[in-house]
Amino acid sequence: MNSATGRVIVVGTDGSERGDAALRWALEVGAHAGDSVRAILVRPRDTLLPGTSFTIQPHGRVPEQAYSLEEHIAGLRIDTAATLETSTVHGDPATELVTASADADLLVLGTHRGGALADLVLGSVGRECVRFSRCPVVVITPEAANRLASV
């Protein structure tokens, strides 16, 4: 951390309610004036569709949906004194977030958005980030996400 420029907080977000809660926590609670919050959306790399006789292009690529992280965050109307940076990267979410944690002071993420069983344990991305992050990690649980969503 450089005291002249403040802390760097990396947030893994995906547009889900829990991802939004992680971002809200980072901007409203975790960050202060002079801090920089980096919201990162990780998209999977293009994958090949399986080749079958039912596909028009047996080895075509899966198209990405049109989604603007900046527009999504603007729609949340979060008031913060921190500087907000956004980026969209392609790759494995856990790998990309752990890499981003190398020059961060804090990594913030929401828990897996699975069903009841998945909510009992940390999702695979969260688990990998907690294990390998190069900075402290804050995990926003479903209960915290619900509490923050109702504020």
Protein backbone atom coordinates (compact mmCIF):
# COMPACT_ATOMS: atom_id res chain seq x y z
CA MET A 1 0.00 0.00 0.00
CA ASN A 2 1.20 3.46 -0.86
CA SER A 3 -0.06 5.96 1.73
CA ALA A 4 0.11 8.79 -0.81
CA THR A 5 -2.33 7.11 -3.16
CA GLY A 6 -4.44 5.11 -0.73
CA ARG A 7 -5.37 1.46 -0.78
CA VAL A 8 -6.25 -0.69 -3.77
CA ILE A 9 -9.36 -2.83 -3.36
CA VAL A 10 -10.13 -5.43 -6.01
CA VAL A 11 -13.73 -6.61 -6.34
CA GLY A 12 -14.78 -9.63 -8.33
CA THR A 13 -18.22 -8.86 -9.72
CA ASP A 14 -20.48 -10.57 -12.23
CA GLY A 15 -23.69 -8.55 -12.22
CA SER A 16 -25.39 -10.92 -9.77
CA GLU A 17 -27.02 -9.78 -6.54
CA ARG A 18 -24.09 -11.16 -4.54
CA GLY A 19 -21.55 -9.60 -6.88
CA ASP A 20 -23.37 -6.30 -6.49
CA ALA A 21 -23.30 -6.72 -2.70
CA ALA A 22 -19.53 -7.26 -2.80
CA LEU A 23 -19.12 -4.13 -4.91
CA ARG A 24 -21.46 -2.14 -2.64
CA TRP A 25 -19.51 -3.24 0.44
CA ALA A 26 -16.18 -2.33 -1.13
CA LEU A 27 -17.35 1.12 -2.22
CA GLU A 28 -19.47 2.09 0.78
CA VAL A 29 -17.75 0.35 3.69
CA GLY A 30 -14.28 -0.81 2.71
CA ALA A 31 -13.03 2.15 0.69
CA HIS A 32 -12.25 5.66 1.85
CA ALA A 33 -11.25 8.88 0.10
CA GLY A 34 -8.02 8.33 -1.78
CA ASP A 35 -8.60 4.59 -2.20
CA SER A 36 -8.99 2.93 -5.58
CA VAL A 37 -11.60 0.23 -6.14
CA ARG A 38 -11.04 -2.02 -9.15
CA ALA A 39 -14.20 -3.84 -10.20
CA ILE A 40 -13.27 -6.84 -12.34
CA LEU A 41 -15.66 -8.88 -14.45
CA VAL A 42 -14.10 -12.15 -15.59
CA ARG A 43 -15.62 -13.74 -18.65
CA PRO A 44 -14.73 -17.29 -19.58
CA ARG A 45 -12.56 -17.70 -22.63
CA ASP A 46 -14.37 -18.60 -25.83
CA THR A 47 -15.15 -22.29 -25.79
CA LEU A 48 -15.83 -24.58 -28.66
CA LEU A 49 -19.31 -26.03 -29.00
CA PRO A 50 -19.33 -29.82 -29.11
CA GLY A 51 -19.41 -31.19 -32.64
CA THR A 52 -22.66 -33.00 -33.31
CA SER A 53 -24.95 -33.41 -36.25
CA PHE A 54 -27.42 -31.10 -34.47
CA THR A 55 -25.21 -28.02 -34.58
CA ILE A 56 -25.16 -25.73 -37.56
CA GLN A 57 -21.46 -25.01 -37.14
CA PRO A 58 -20.00 -28.03 -35.36
CA HIS A 59 -17.03 -26.15 -33.98
CA GLY A 60 -18.39 -22.61 -33.66
CA ARG A 61 -17.70 -20.29 -30.77
CA VAL A 62 -20.18 -19.45 -28.02
CA PRO A 63 -21.05 -15.74 -28.39
CA GLU A 64 -20.89 -13.46 -25.36
CA GLN A 65 -23.94 -11.53 -24.28
CA ALA A 66 -23.78 -7.76 -24.65
CA TYR A 67 -23.09 -6.48 -21.14
CA SER A 68 -21.52 -3.25 -19.96
CA LEU A 69 -19.98 -3.41 -16.50
CA GLU A 70 -19.79 0.39 -16.41
CA GLU A 71 -23.51 0.78 -17.17
CA HIS A 72 -24.43 -1.88 -14.63
CA ILE A 73 -22.42 -0.18 -11.88
CA ALA A 74 -23.83 3.26 -12.79
CA GLY A 75 -27.32 1.77 -12.40
CA LEU A 76 -26.52 0.74 -8.82
CA ARG A 77 -26.08 4.41 -7.86
CA ILE A 78 -23.49 3.74 -5.17
CA ASP A 79 -22.13 6.84 -3.45
CA THR A 80 -18.42 6.60 -2.67
CA ALA A 81 -15.40 8.77 -2.02
CA ALA A 82 -13.11 6.22 -3.67
CA THR A 83 -11.96 6.16 -7.28
CA LEU A 84 -13.66 3.40 -9.27
CA GLU A 85 -11.95 1.55 -12.10
CA THR A 86 -13.60 -1.20 -14.13
CA SER A 87 -12.18 -3.91 -16.34
CA THR A 88 -13.43 -6.97 -18.13
CA VAL A 89 -10.95 -9.77 -18.64
CA HIS A 90 -11.17 -13.23 -20.17
CA GLY A 91 -9.97 -16.34 -18.39
CA ASP A 92 -10.55 -18.44 -15.33
CA PRO A 93 -12.21 -16.27 -12.64
CA ALA A 94 -10.15 -17.60 -9.73
CA THR A 95 -6.88 -17.26 -11.62
CA GLU A 96 -7.65 -13.74 -12.80
CA LEU A 97 -8.75 -12.53 -9.35
CA VAL A 98 -5.74 -14.09 -7.60
CA THR A 99 -3.49 -12.43 -10.19
CA ALA A 100 -5.22 -9.08 -9.56
CA SER A 101 -4.68 -9.53 -5.82
CA ALA A 102 -0.90 -9.32 -6.30
CA ASP A 103 -0.90 -5.52 -6.18
CA ALA A 104 -4.05 -5.09 -4.08
CA ASP A 105 -4.53 -4.40 -0.40
CA LEU A 106 -7.87 -6.23 -0.24
CA LEU A 107 -9.90 -8.61 -2.41
CA VAL A 108 -13.70 -8.60 -2.06
CA LEU A 109 -16.07 -11.18 -3.51
CA GLY A 110 -19.55 -12.59 -3.09
CA THR A 111 -20.17 -16.26 -2.45
CA HIS A 112 -21.21 -18.79 -5.05
CA ARG A 113 -24.70 -18.23 -6.41
CA GLY A 114 -25.73 -21.87 -6.30
CA GLY A 115 -28.57 -23.54 -4.44
CA ALA A 116 -28.91 -24.38 -0.77
CA LEU A 117 -26.11 -26.95 -0.81
CA ALA A 118 -23.73 -24.58 -2.59
CA ASP A 119 -24.55 -21.87 -0.04
CA LEU A 120 -23.27 -24.12 2.75
CA VAL A 121 -19.77 -23.99 1.34
CA LEU A 122 -17.72 -21.38 -0.42
CA GLY A 123 -17.94 -21.66 -4.21
CA SER A 124 -14.91 -22.87 -6.12
CA VAL A 125 -13.82 -19.35 -7.19
CA GLY A 126 -14.12 -18.03 -3.65
CA ARG A 127 -12.34 -21.05 -2.22
CA GLU A 128 -9.42 -20.62 -4.63
CA CYS A 129 -9.22 -16.89 -3.94
CA VAL A 130 -9.15 -17.45 -0.18
CA ARG A 131 -6.44 -20.09 -0.55
CA PHE A 132 -4.17 -18.28 -3.00
CA SER A 133 -4.87 -14.55 -2.75
CA ARG A 134 -1.83 -12.38 -2.11
CA CYS A 135 -3.84 -10.02 0.10
CA PRO A 136 -6.63 -10.28 2.69
CA VAL A 137 -10.01 -11.44 1.34
CA VAL A 138 -13.49 -10.28 2.37
CA VAL A 139 -16.27 -12.70 1.43
CA ILE A 140 -19.82 -11.36 1.32
CA THR A 141 -22.15 -14.16 2.43
CA PRO A 142 -25.76 -14.58 1.23
CA GLU A 143 -26.98 -13.09 4.52
CA ALA A 144 -24.73 -10.05 4.09
CA ALA A 145 -25.83 -9.70 0.48
CA ASN A 146 -29.49 -9.66 1.56
CA ARG A 147 -28.77 -7.15 4.29
CA LEU A 148 -26.90 -4.86 1.90
CA ALA A 149 -29.57 -5.19 -0.81
CA SER A 150 -32.25 -3.98 1.59
CA VAL A 151 -30.34 -0.85 2.63
